[in-house]
């Protein structure tokens, strides 16, 4: 391999690393996704915690033979959501609603008839996740370290620096 070719390969690897790290550190503007499945006397959530003050797409599927509502309200709030104005989701249909929730605990329920009393209720928490000391995962960091050391070796070798002892 020629010296120029080695330097070009090393520079390409460094550029890929820079884009990979920049992509993993940047905050995403995409909404969080929570899948909601409504069944007879059950509200199933795909996750129970979300990041507060960020848009959340609730994809609601009614897998029941009867209509249901999806009402999301603060758990300990004295102010109740008007169930008459809540969306009624027909049997076998799917809806997507987008909400931004402030920090707190929320109750997901169906207010049709006695559905909530029969167990059609669940809980969702909007809480800040603890910050990690590093914004990248350990496995990703080890891979980056190996690539950087490889680049250093290639660049050093192409410049005539001997990083290994030869006999």
N, C-alpha and C. Protein backbone atom coordinates (compact mmCIF):
# COMPACT_ATOMS: atom_id res chain seq x y z
N UNK A 1 0.84 -1.18 0.00
CA UNK A 1 0.00 0.00 0.00
C UNK A 1 0.89 1.24 0.00
N UNK A 2 0.44 2.20 -0.75
CA UNK A 2 1.21 3.45 -0.77
C UNK A 2 0.87 4.29 0.45
N UNK A 3 1.75 5.18 0.72
CA UNK A 3 1.58 6.05 1.88
C UNK A 3 0.32 6.90 1.76
N UNK A 4 0.05 7.44 0.59
CA UNK A 4 -1.13 8.27 0.36
C UNK A 4 -2.40 7.48 0.57
N UNK A 5 -2.41 6.25 0.09
CA UNK A 5 -3.58 5.39 0.23
C UNK A 5 -3.86 5.11 1.71
N UNK A 6 -2.82 4.86 2.48
CA UNK A 6 -2.99 4.60 3.92
C UNK A 6 -3.55 5.83 4.63
N UNK A 7 -3.05 6.99 4.30
CA UNK A 7 -3.53 8.22 4.92
C UNK A 7 -4.99 8.45 4.55
N UNK A 8 -5.37 8.22 3.30
CA UNK A 8 -6.76 8.38 2.88
C UNK A 8 -7.69 7.43 3.62
N UNK A 9 -7.27 6.19 3.80
CA UNK A 9 -8.08 5.22 4.55
C UNK A 9 -8.25 5.68 5.99
N UNK A 10 -7.15 6.12 6.60
CA UNK A 10 -7.22 6.58 7.99
C UNK A 10 -8.14 7.80 8.12
N UNK A 11 -8.06 8.73 7.18
CA UNK A 11 -8.91 9.91 7.22
C UNK A 11 -10.38 9.53 7.03
N UNK A 12 -10.65 8.57 6.17
CA UNK A 12 -12.02 8.11 5.95
C UNK A 12 -12.58 7.48 7.23
N UNK A 13 -11.78 6.68 7.90
CA UNK A 13 -12.22 6.06 9.15
C UNK A 13 -12.50 7.12 10.20
N UNK A 14 -11.64 8.12 10.30
CA UNK A 14 -11.83 9.20 11.27
C UNK A 14 -13.13 9.97 10.97
N UNK A 15 -13.40 10.25 9.70
CA UNK A 15 -14.64 10.93 9.32
C UNK A 15 -15.87 10.11 9.69
N UNK A 16 -15.83 8.81 9.44
CA UNK A 16 -16.94 7.94 9.80
C UNK A 16 -17.15 7.97 11.31
N UNK A 17 -16.07 7.93 12.08
CA UNK A 17 -16.17 8.00 13.54
C UNK A 17 -16.79 9.31 14.00
N UNK A 18 -16.38 10.40 13.40
CA UNK A 18 -16.91 11.71 13.79
C UNK A 18 -18.42 11.75 13.54
N UNK A 19 -18.86 11.28 12.38
CA UNK A 19 -20.30 11.28 12.08
C UNK A 19 -21.06 10.32 13.00
N UNK A 20 -20.46 9.19 13.33
CA UNK A 20 -21.12 8.23 14.22
C UNK A 20 -21.30 8.80 15.61
N UNK A 21 -20.27 9.44 16.14
CA UNK A 21 -20.35 10.02 17.48
C UNK A 21 -21.32 11.20 17.48
N UNK A 22 -21.24 12.06 16.47
CA UNK A 22 -22.15 13.21 16.41
C UNK A 22 -23.60 12.74 16.31
N UNK A 23 -23.85 11.68 15.58
CA UNK A 23 -25.21 11.16 15.45
C UNK A 23 -25.72 10.52 16.72
N UNK A 24 -24.84 9.92 17.51
CA UNK A 24 -25.30 9.26 18.73
C UNK A 24 -25.48 10.23 19.89
N UNK A 25 -24.82 11.38 19.84
CA UNK A 25 -24.91 12.34 20.93
C UNK A 25 -26.08 13.29 20.73
N UNK A 26 -26.40 13.64 19.51
CA UNK A 26 -27.43 14.63 19.24
C UNK A 26 -28.81 14.19 19.73
N UNK A 27 -29.58 15.15 20.22
CA UNK A 27 -30.92 14.84 20.71
C UNK A 27 -31.87 14.69 19.54
N UNK A 28 -32.77 13.75 19.66
CA UNK A 28 -33.73 13.48 18.61
C UNK A 28 -34.98 14.34 18.80
N UNK A 29 -35.48 14.89 17.69
CA UNK A 29 -36.71 15.67 17.74
C UNK A 29 -37.92 14.80 17.45
N UNK A 30 -37.68 13.54 17.14
CA UNK A 30 -38.79 12.65 16.84
C UNK A 30 -39.59 12.37 18.10
N UNK A 31 -40.91 12.27 17.95
CA UNK A 31 -41.73 11.96 19.12
C UNK A 31 -41.45 10.56 19.65
N UNK A 32 -41.67 10.40 20.95
CA UNK A 32 -41.59 9.08 21.56
C UNK A 32 -42.81 8.29 21.11
N UNK A 33 -42.72 6.98 21.11
CA UNK A 33 -43.83 6.14 20.67
C UNK A 33 -44.28 5.24 21.80
N UNK A 34 -45.57 5.29 22.10
CA UNK A 34 -46.16 4.40 23.09
C UNK A 34 -47.33 3.71 22.40
N UNK A 35 -47.24 2.38 22.32
CA UNK A 35 -48.33 1.60 21.74
C UNK A 35 -49.32 1.25 22.85
N UNK A 36 -50.59 1.50 22.58
CA UNK A 36 -51.66 1.23 23.55
C UNK A 36 -52.59 0.20 22.92
N UNK A 37 -52.81 -0.89 23.65
CA UNK A 37 -53.75 -1.92 23.18
C UNK A 37 -54.92 -1.97 24.15
N UNK A 38 -56.11 -1.74 23.62
CA UNK A 38 -57.32 -1.80 24.42
C UNK A 38 -57.98 -3.15 24.18
N UNK A 39 -58.16 -3.90 25.25
CA UNK A 39 -58.82 -5.20 25.20
C UNK A 39 -59.97 -5.16 26.20
N UNK A 40 -60.72 -6.23 26.26
CA UNK A 40 -61.80 -6.27 27.23
C UNK A 40 -61.23 -6.13 28.63
N UNK A 41 -61.49 -4.99 29.24
CA UNK A 41 -61.11 -4.68 30.61
C UNK A 41 -59.60 -4.66 30.83
N UNK A 42 -58.85 -4.25 29.81
CA UNK A 42 -57.40 -4.09 29.92
C UNK A 42 -56.94 -2.91 29.07
N UNK A 43 -56.01 -2.16 29.62
CA UNK A 43 -55.29 -1.13 28.87
C UNK A 43 -53.82 -1.53 28.95
N UNK A 44 -53.26 -1.98 27.83
CA UNK A 44 -51.86 -2.40 27.80
C UNK A 44 -51.03 -1.28 27.17
N UNK A 45 -49.90 -0.96 27.82
CA UNK A 45 -48.98 0.05 27.33
C UNK A 45 -47.66 -0.60 26.96
N UNK A 46 -47.05 -0.16 25.87
CA UNK A 46 -45.77 -0.74 25.46
C UNK A 46 -44.63 -0.31 26.37
N UNK A 47 -44.80 0.79 27.09
CA UNK A 47 -43.82 1.23 28.07
C UNK A 47 -44.54 2.05 29.12
N UNK A 48 -43.91 2.14 30.28
CA UNK A 48 -44.56 2.80 31.41
C UNK A 48 -43.92 4.11 31.81
N UNK A 49 -42.81 4.47 31.16
CA UNK A 49 -42.18 5.76 31.42
C UNK A 49 -41.87 6.44 30.10
N UNK A 50 -42.00 7.76 30.11
CA UNK A 50 -41.65 8.58 28.96
C UNK A 50 -40.87 9.78 29.45
N UNK A 51 -40.21 10.47 28.54
CA UNK A 51 -39.47 11.68 28.88
C UNK A 51 -40.47 12.84 28.88
N UNK A 52 -40.54 13.62 29.96
CA UNK A 52 -41.51 14.71 30.02
C UNK A 52 -41.16 15.85 29.07
N UNK A 53 -42.16 16.64 28.75
CA UNK A 53 -42.03 17.83 27.91
C UNK A 53 -41.50 17.51 26.52
N UNK A 54 -41.74 16.31 26.07
CA UNK A 54 -41.37 15.89 24.72
C UNK A 54 -42.60 15.25 24.09
N UNK A 55 -42.81 15.45 22.81
CA UNK A 55 -44.00 14.91 22.15
C UNK A 55 -44.02 13.38 22.22
N UNK A 56 -45.21 12.85 22.43
CA UNK A 56 -45.40 11.40 22.51
C UNK A 56 -46.53 11.04 21.54
N UNK A 57 -46.26 10.08 20.67
CA UNK A 57 -47.30 9.53 19.80
C UNK A 57 -47.88 8.30 20.48
N UNK A 58 -49.16 8.35 20.80
CA UNK A 58 -49.87 7.21 21.36
C UNK A 58 -50.59 6.53 20.20
N UNK A 59 -50.15 5.33 19.84
CA UNK A 59 -50.79 4.55 18.78
C UNK A 59 -51.73 3.58 19.49
N UNK A 60 -53.03 3.83 19.35
CA UNK A 60 -54.04 3.12 20.12
C UNK A 60 -54.77 2.14 19.21
N UNK A 61 -54.73 0.86 19.60
CA UNK A 61 -55.44 -0.19 18.84
C UNK A 61 -56.49 -0.82 19.74
N UNK A 62 -57.73 -0.83 19.26
CA UNK A 62 -58.82 -1.47 20.00
C UNK A 62 -58.95 -2.90 19.49
N UNK A 63 -58.49 -3.86 20.27
CA UNK A 63 -58.53 -5.27 19.88
C UNK A 63 -59.71 -5.97 20.54
N UNK A 64 -60.74 -5.22 20.82
CA UNK A 64 -61.91 -5.74 21.50
C UNK A 64 -63.10 -5.73 20.54
N UNK A 65 -64.16 -6.40 20.93
CA UNK A 65 -65.38 -6.42 20.12
C UNK A 65 -66.31 -5.27 20.48
N UNK A 66 -65.91 -4.44 21.45
CA UNK A 66 -66.75 -3.32 21.86
C UNK A 66 -65.95 -2.02 21.82
N UNK A 67 -66.62 -0.87 21.73
CA UNK A 67 -65.89 0.41 21.69
C UNK A 67 -65.26 0.72 23.04
N UNK A 68 -64.15 1.47 23.00
CA UNK A 68 -63.46 1.90 24.21
C UNK A 68 -63.01 3.34 24.04
N UNK A 69 -62.62 3.95 25.14
CA UNK A 69 -62.02 5.28 25.14
C UNK A 69 -60.60 5.15 25.66
N UNK A 70 -59.77 6.11 25.26
CA UNK A 70 -58.43 6.22 25.85
C UNK A 70 -58.35 7.60 26.47
N UNK A 71 -58.43 7.62 27.80
CA UNK A 71 -58.35 8.87 28.54
C UNK A 71 -57.05 8.86 29.32
N UNK A 72 -56.27 9.92 29.16
CA UNK A 72 -55.00 10.07 29.87
C UNK A 72 -55.09 11.33 30.70
N UNK A 73 -55.02 11.17 32.03
CA UNK A 73 -55.16 12.31 32.92
C UNK A 73 -54.18 12.19 34.08
N UNK A 74 -53.79 13.33 34.66
CA UNK A 74 -52.90 13.27 35.82
C UNK A 74 -53.53 12.42 36.92
N UNK A 75 -52.72 11.56 37.53
CA UNK A 75 -53.23 10.58 38.48
C UNK A 75 -53.84 11.20 39.72
N UNK A 76 -53.18 12.18 40.31
CA UNK A 76 -53.65 12.73 41.58
C UNK A 76 -54.31 14.09 41.40
N UNK A 77 -54.76 14.38 40.21
CA UNK A 77 -55.34 15.69 39.94
C UNK A 77 -56.81 15.72 40.37
N UNK A 78 -57.21 16.83 40.93
CA UNK A 78 -58.62 17.02 41.29
C UNK A 78 -59.43 17.33 40.04
N UNK A 79 -58.74 17.80 39.01
CA UNK A 79 -59.41 18.14 37.76
C UNK A 79 -59.51 16.90 36.88
N UNK A 80 -60.71 16.48 36.57
CA UNK A 80 -60.94 15.28 35.76
C UNK A 80 -61.21 15.65 34.31
N UNK A 81 -60.82 14.76 33.42
CA UNK A 81 -61.07 14.93 32.00
C UNK A 81 -62.55 14.63 31.73
N UNK A 82 -63.16 15.42 30.89
CA UNK A 82 -64.57 15.19 30.54
C UNK A 82 -64.65 13.97 29.62
N UNK A 83 -65.16 12.87 30.16
CA UNK A 83 -65.22 11.61 29.42
C UNK A 83 -66.12 11.70 28.19
N UNK A 84 -67.10 12.59 28.21
CA UNK A 84 -68.00 12.73 27.08
C UNK A 84 -67.28 13.30 25.86
N UNK A 85 -66.21 14.06 26.09
CA UNK A 85 -65.45 14.65 24.99
C UNK A 85 -64.30 13.77 24.54
N UNK A 86 -64.04 12.68 25.25
CA UNK A 86 -62.93 11.80 24.90
C UNK A 86 -63.25 11.00 23.65
N UNK A 87 -62.22 10.68 22.93
CA UNK A 87 -62.32 9.93 21.69
C UNK A 87 -62.83 8.51 21.96
N UNK A 88 -63.85 8.08 21.21
CA UNK A 88 -64.35 6.71 21.30
C UNK A 88 -63.72 5.95 20.13
N UNK A 89 -63.05 4.85 20.46
CA UNK A 89 -62.35 4.06 19.46
C UNK A 89 -63.16 2.80 19.20
N UNK A 90 -63.60 2.65 17.97
CA UNK A 90 -64.44 1.52 17.60
C UNK A 90 -63.69 0.20 17.62
N UNK A 91 -64.43 -0.91 17.68
CA UNK A 91 -63.81 -2.23 17.69
C UNK A 91 -62.95 -2.45 16.44
N UNK A 92 -61.77 -2.99 16.65
CA UNK A 92 -60.88 -3.33 15.54
C UNK A 92 -60.26 -2.14 14.82
N UNK A 93 -60.32 -0.96 15.41
CA UNK A 93 -59.75 0.22 14.75
C UNK A 93 -58.51 0.71 15.49
N UNK A 94 -57.81 1.63 14.84
CA UNK A 94 -56.55 2.15 15.39
C UNK A 94 -56.54 3.67 15.21
N UNK A 95 -56.06 4.36 16.22
CA UNK A 95 -55.93 5.82 16.19
C UNK A 95 -54.55 6.20 16.71
N UNK A 96 -54.08 7.37 16.27
CA UNK A 96 -52.85 7.92 16.80
C UNK A 96 -53.15 9.32 17.32
N UNK A 97 -52.78 9.55 18.56
CA UNK A 97 -52.90 10.90 19.12
C UNK A 97 -51.53 11.33 19.61
N UNK A 98 -51.29 12.64 19.58
CA UNK A 98 -49.99 13.15 20.02
C UNK A 98 -50.22 14.09 21.21
N UNK A 99 -49.45 13.86 22.27
CA UNK A 99 -49.54 14.68 23.47
C UNK A 99 -48.13 15.01 23.94
N UNK A 100 -48.01 16.08 24.70
CA UNK A 100 -46.79 16.43 25.40
C UNK A 100 -47.14 16.48 26.87
N UNK A 101 -46.50 15.63 27.67
CA UNK A 101 -46.85 15.51 29.08
C UNK A 101 -45.80 16.18 29.96
N UNK A 102 -46.27 16.88 30.97
CA UNK A 102 -45.37 17.48 31.96
C UNK A 102 -44.97 16.38 32.95
N UNK A 103 -43.93 16.59 33.75
CA UNK A 103 -43.53 15.55 34.71
C UNK A 103 -44.68 15.19 35.66
N UNK A 104 -44.81 13.89 35.90
CA UNK A 104 -45.86 13.43 36.81
C UNK A 104 -46.29 12.01 36.48
N UNK A 105 -47.31 11.56 37.20
CA UNK A 105 -47.88 10.23 37.01
C UNK A 105 -49.25 10.41 36.34
N UNK A 106 -49.52 9.60 35.34
CA UNK A 106 -50.77 9.72 34.58
C UNK A 106 -51.53 8.39 34.62
N UNK A 107 -52.84 8.51 34.61
CA UNK A 107 -53.72 7.34 34.59
C UNK A 107 -54.29 7.22 33.17
N UNK A 108 -54.15 6.03 32.59
CA UNK A 108 -54.73 5.71 31.29
C UNK A 108 -55.93 4.81 31.55
N UNK A 109 -57.09 5.24 31.09
CA UNK A 109 -58.30 4.50 31.42
C UNK A 109 -59.35 4.59 30.32
N UNK A 110 -60.38 3.79 30.46
CA UNK A 110 -61.56 3.84 29.60
C UNK A 110 -62.74 4.21 30.51
N UNK A 111 -63.50 5.24 30.13
CA UNK A 111 -64.60 5.71 30.97
C UNK A 111 -65.97 5.23 30.49
N UNK A 112 -65.99 4.34 29.54
CA UNK A 112 -67.28 3.82 29.07
C UNK A 112 -67.82 2.84 30.10
N UNK A 113 -69.04 3.04 30.50
CA UNK A 113 -69.70 2.13 31.44
C UNK A 113 -68.86 1.88 32.68
N UNK A 114 -68.72 0.63 33.03
CA UNK A 114 -67.97 0.21 34.22
C UNK A 114 -66.58 -0.33 33.84
N UNK A 115 -66.08 0.02 32.66
CA UNK A 115 -64.81 -0.54 32.18
C UNK A 115 -63.66 -0.28 33.14
N UNK A 116 -63.54 0.96 33.66
CA UNK A 116 -62.44 1.28 34.59
C UNK A 116 -62.57 0.47 35.87
N UNK A 117 -63.76 0.34 36.37
CA UNK A 117 -63.97 -0.43 37.60
C UNK A 117 -63.69 -1.91 37.39
N UNK A 118 -63.83 -2.38 36.17
CA UNK A 118 -63.57 -3.79 35.84
C UNK A 118 -62.08 -4.04 35.58
N UNK A 119 -61.26 -3.00 35.68
CA UNK A 119 -59.81 -3.18 35.53
C UNK A 119 -59.19 -2.52 34.32
N UNK A 120 -59.96 -1.75 33.57
CA UNK A 120 -59.43 -1.12 32.36
C UNK A 120 -58.75 0.19 32.73
N UNK A 121 -57.58 0.04 33.38
CA UNK A 121 -56.83 1.19 33.86
C UNK A 121 -55.34 0.81 33.89
N UNK A 122 -54.48 1.78 33.64
CA UNK A 122 -53.04 1.57 33.71
C UNK A 122 -52.38 2.88 34.10
N UNK A 123 -51.08 2.86 34.34
CA UNK A 123 -50.37 4.04 34.81
C UNK A 123 -49.15 4.30 33.93
N UNK A 124 -48.89 5.58 33.67
CA UNK A 124 -47.75 6.01 32.87
C UNK A 124 -47.04 7.13 33.63
N UNK A 125 -45.72 7.07 33.69
CA UNK A 125 -44.94 8.10 34.39
C UNK A 125 -44.15 8.92 33.37
N UNK A 126 -44.24 10.24 33.53
CA UNK A 126 -43.41 11.15 32.74
C UNK A 126 -42.32 11.65 33.67
N UNK A 127 -41.14 11.07 33.52
CA UNK A 127 -40.05 11.42 34.42
C UNK A 127 -38.75 11.54 33.65
N UNK A 128 -37.87 12.36 34.17
CA UNK A 128 -36.58 12.54 33.54
C UNK A 128 -35.70 11.35 33.86
N UNK A 129 -35.05 10.85 32.84
CA UNK A 129 -34.15 9.73 33.04
C UNK A 129 -32.85 10.25 33.65
N UNK A 130 -32.22 9.47 34.53
CA UNK A 130 -30.95 9.92 35.09
C UNK A 130 -29.91 10.03 33.99
N UNK A 131 -29.10 11.08 34.08
CA UNK A 131 -28.07 11.30 33.06
C UNK A 131 -26.95 10.30 33.22
N UNK A 132 -26.48 9.83 32.09
CA UNK A 132 -25.34 8.93 32.12
C UNK A 132 -24.07 9.78 32.11
N UNK A 133 -23.00 9.21 32.63
CA UNK A 133 -21.75 9.96 32.66
C UNK A 133 -21.20 10.16 31.25
N UNK A 134 -21.44 9.21 30.38
CA UNK A 134 -21.04 9.34 28.98
C UNK A 134 -22.28 9.21 28.10
N UNK A 135 -22.36 9.99 27.04
CA UNK A 135 -23.54 9.92 26.20
C UNK A 135 -23.55 8.71 25.26
N UNK A 136 -22.47 7.93 25.24
CA UNK A 136 -22.43 6.76 24.37
C UNK A 136 -22.29 5.51 25.21
N UNK A 137 -22.75 4.40 24.67
CA UNK A 137 -22.69 3.14 25.39
C UNK A 137 -21.26 2.61 25.40
N UNK A 138 -20.97 1.76 26.38
CA UNK A 138 -19.62 1.23 26.56
C UNK A 138 -19.17 0.43 25.34
N UNK A 139 -20.04 -0.42 24.81
CA UNK A 139 -19.65 -1.23 23.66
C UNK A 139 -19.28 -0.34 22.48
N UNK A 140 -20.04 0.72 22.29
CA UNK A 140 -19.75 1.65 21.20
C UNK A 140 -18.42 2.35 21.46
N UNK A 141 -18.14 2.70 22.71
CA UNK A 141 -16.90 3.37 23.07
C UNK A 141 -15.68 2.51 22.82
N UNK A 142 -15.79 1.20 23.13
CA UNK A 142 -14.67 0.28 22.90
C UNK A 142 -14.39 0.18 21.40
N UNK A 143 -15.43 0.12 20.60
CA UNK A 143 -15.27 0.05 19.14
C UNK A 143 -14.58 1.31 18.62
N UNK A 144 -15.00 2.45 19.12
CA UNK A 144 -14.38 3.72 18.69
C UNK A 144 -12.91 3.76 19.08
N UNK A 145 -12.61 3.33 20.30
CA UNK A 145 -11.22 3.32 20.76
C UNK A 145 -10.35 2.43 19.86
N UNK A 146 -10.87 1.26 19.49
CA UNK A 146 -10.12 0.36 18.61
C UNK A 146 -9.89 0.99 17.24
N UNK A 147 -10.91 1.66 16.70
CA UNK A 147 -10.74 2.30 15.40
C UNK A 147 -9.76 3.46 15.46
N UNK A 148 -9.82 4.24 16.52
CA UNK A 148 -8.90 5.37 16.66
C UNK A 148 -7.46 4.87 16.76
N UNK A 149 -7.24 3.83 17.57
CA UNK A 149 -5.88 3.28 17.69
C UNK A 149 -5.40 2.72 16.35
N UNK A 150 -6.31 2.10 15.60
CA UNK A 150 -5.95 1.61 14.27
C UNK A 150 -5.56 2.75 13.34
N UNK A 151 -6.30 3.85 13.42
CA UNK A 151 -5.98 5.02 12.60
C UNK A 151 -4.62 5.60 12.97
N UNK A 152 -4.37 5.68 14.27
CA UNK A 152 -3.07 6.20 14.72
C UNK A 152 -1.94 5.31 14.19
N UNK A 153 -2.13 4.00 14.25
CA UNK A 153 -1.11 3.08 13.75
C UNK A 153 -0.90 3.27 12.25
N UNK A 154 -2.00 3.37 11.48
CA UNK A 154 -1.89 3.53 10.02
C UNK A 154 -1.20 4.85 9.67
N UNK A 155 -1.63 5.93 10.31
CA UNK A 155 -1.04 7.23 10.01
C UNK A 155 0.44 7.25 10.42
N UNK A 156 0.73 6.72 11.61
CA UNK A 156 2.13 6.68 12.06
C UNK A 156 2.99 5.85 11.13
N UNK A 157 2.48 4.71 10.68
CA UNK A 157 3.24 3.85 9.78
C UNK A 157 3.46 4.52 8.43
N UNK A 158 2.41 5.24 7.95
CA UNK A 158 2.56 5.90 6.65
C UNK A 158 3.53 7.07 6.71
N UNK A 159 3.70 7.64 7.89
CA UNK A 159 4.65 8.74 8.03
C UNK A 159 6.05 8.25 8.35
N UNK A 160 6.21 6.94 8.42
CA UNK A 160 7.52 6.38 8.65
C UNK A 160 7.84 6.14 10.11
N UNK A 161 6.90 6.38 10.99
CA UNK A 161 7.13 6.13 12.41
C UNK A 161 6.93 4.64 12.67
N UNK A 162 7.82 4.03 13.34
CA UNK A 162 7.71 2.61 13.66
C UNK A 162 7.14 2.48 15.06
N UNK A 163 5.91 1.98 15.15
CA UNK A 163 5.24 1.81 16.43
C UNK A 163 5.49 0.42 17.01
N UNK A 164 6.09 -0.45 16.18
CA UNK A 164 6.44 -1.78 16.66
C UNK A 164 7.95 -1.97 16.55
N UNK A 165 8.47 -2.86 17.33
CA UNK A 165 9.89 -3.12 17.30
C UNK A 165 10.14 -4.26 16.32
N UNK A 166 10.93 -4.00 15.30
CA UNK A 166 11.25 -5.06 14.32
C UNK A 166 12.69 -5.50 14.52
N UNK A 167 12.93 -6.77 14.26
CA UNK A 167 14.28 -7.33 14.43
C UNK A 167 15.06 -7.27 13.17
